[in-house]
Protein backbone atom coordinates (compact mmCIF):
# COMPACT_ATOMS: atom_id res chain seq x y z
CA LEU A 1 130.08 111.01 131.61
CA GLU A 2 127.43 110.68 134.28
CA ILE A 3 126.11 113.72 134.92
CA GLU A 4 122.91 115.43 136.90
CA ILE A 5 121.72 118.80 136.62
CA GLU A 6 121.15 120.72 139.45
CA GLY A 7 118.74 123.62 140.01
CA HIS A 8 118.66 126.37 142.74
CA VAL A 9 116.13 129.53 143.77
CA CYS A 10 116.49 132.60 145.23
CA CYS A 11 113.44 134.40 147.53
CA THR A 12 112.93 130.56 149.50
CA THR A 13 111.74 130.70 153.56
CA THR A 14 110.07 127.98 154.17
CA GLU A 15 108.82 126.82 150.98
CA PRO A 16 110.26 123.93 149.60
CA ASP A 17 110.93 125.03 146.01
CA GLY A 18 110.34 128.37 143.70
CA TYR A 19 106.76 128.72 142.39
CA ASP A 20 106.94 128.57 138.40
CA TRP A 21 103.95 130.87 136.92
CA ASP A 22 104.75 129.35 133.74
CA ALA A 23 103.16 126.00 134.66
CA GLU A 24 101.52 127.43 138.06
CA THR A 25 103.04 124.63 140.30
CA ASN A 26 105.79 124.91 143.24
CA ASN A 27 109.09 122.91 141.43
CA LEU A 28 110.76 126.19 140.11
CA SER A 29 114.46 124.83 140.56
CA GLU A 30 113.81 120.80 139.06
CA MET A 31 111.71 122.48 135.71
CA ARG A 32 114.97 124.50 135.54
CA ALA A 33 117.44 121.56 135.71
CA ARG A 34 114.93 119.53 133.37
CA GLN A 35 115.18 122.35 130.82
CA ILE A 36 118.36 121.43 130.85
CA TYR A 37 118.21 117.61 129.96
CA LEU A 38 115.83 118.46 127.96
CA ILE A 39 118.14 120.30 126.04
CA LEU A 40 121.22 117.95 126.09
CA ILE A 41 118.99 115.23 125.03
CA LYS A 42 117.50 117.55 121.91
CA ASN A 43 121.58 117.00 121.36
CA GLY A 44 122.81 114.02 121.51
CA ILE A 45 123.09 113.33 125.10
CA SER A 46 122.18 110.04 126.48
CA LYS A 47 119.40 109.54 128.35
CA SER A 48 121.21 107.31 130.82
CA ARG A 49 124.23 109.32 131.77
CA LEU A 50 121.61 112.11 132.72
CA LYS A 51 119.39 112.87 135.19
CA TYR A 52 118.20 115.78 136.80
CA LYS A 53 116.73 117.41 140.07
CA GLY A 54 115.63 120.03 142.38
CA TYR A 55 117.72 121.68 145.30
CA GLY A 56 114.72 124.84 145.82
CA GLY A 57 116.30 127.36 148.08
CA THR A 58 118.98 124.32 150.46
CA ARG A 59 122.25 125.31 148.72
CA LYS A 60 122.71 128.67 148.10
CA ILE A 61 125.46 130.30 147.53
CA ASN A 62 124.49 133.83 149.31
CA LEU A 63 121.96 133.79 152.30
CA ASP A 64 122.10 137.50 152.26
CA GLU A 65 119.81 138.17 149.33
CA SER A 66 119.00 141.69 149.97
CA ASN A 67 119.50 142.53 146.39
CA GLU A 68 119.05 141.41 142.90
CA GLU A 69 123.04 141.12 141.99
CA LEU A 70 122.62 138.76 145.71
CA ARG A 71 119.57 137.17 144.12
CA ARG A 72 121.35 136.48 140.99
CA VAL A 73 123.78 134.44 142.14
CA ASN A 74 120.53 132.04 143.65
CA ARG A 75 119.10 131.39 140.52
CA ARG A 76 120.83 128.75 138.98
CA VAL A 77 121.46 125.14 136.85
CA GLU A 78 125.23 123.80 138.19
CA ILE A 79 126.16 120.33 136.54
CA LYS A 80 127.92 117.77 138.72
CA ILE A 81 130.23 115.14 137.58
CA LEU A 82 129.10 111.73 138.80
CA ARG A 83 131.46 109.75 136.83
CA LYS A 84 134.06 108.81 134.77
């Protein structure tokens, strides 16, 4: 399989991505996806089969983020199969 690891965040309105407090950068969704990418490589998956990308808050499941439960759904990583 070839896969893309997609990172997502909640609570963005005008910013393209979330703020990563650990790295002090505005690429939280990308770093979220990258961490999964690195874990998969560490566990023996070839880099040539993997891609990762941060989508920020552009692909929200819940547009209403008025409570923590709704926001939590938007903070996620998804695995997309690109080719079998």
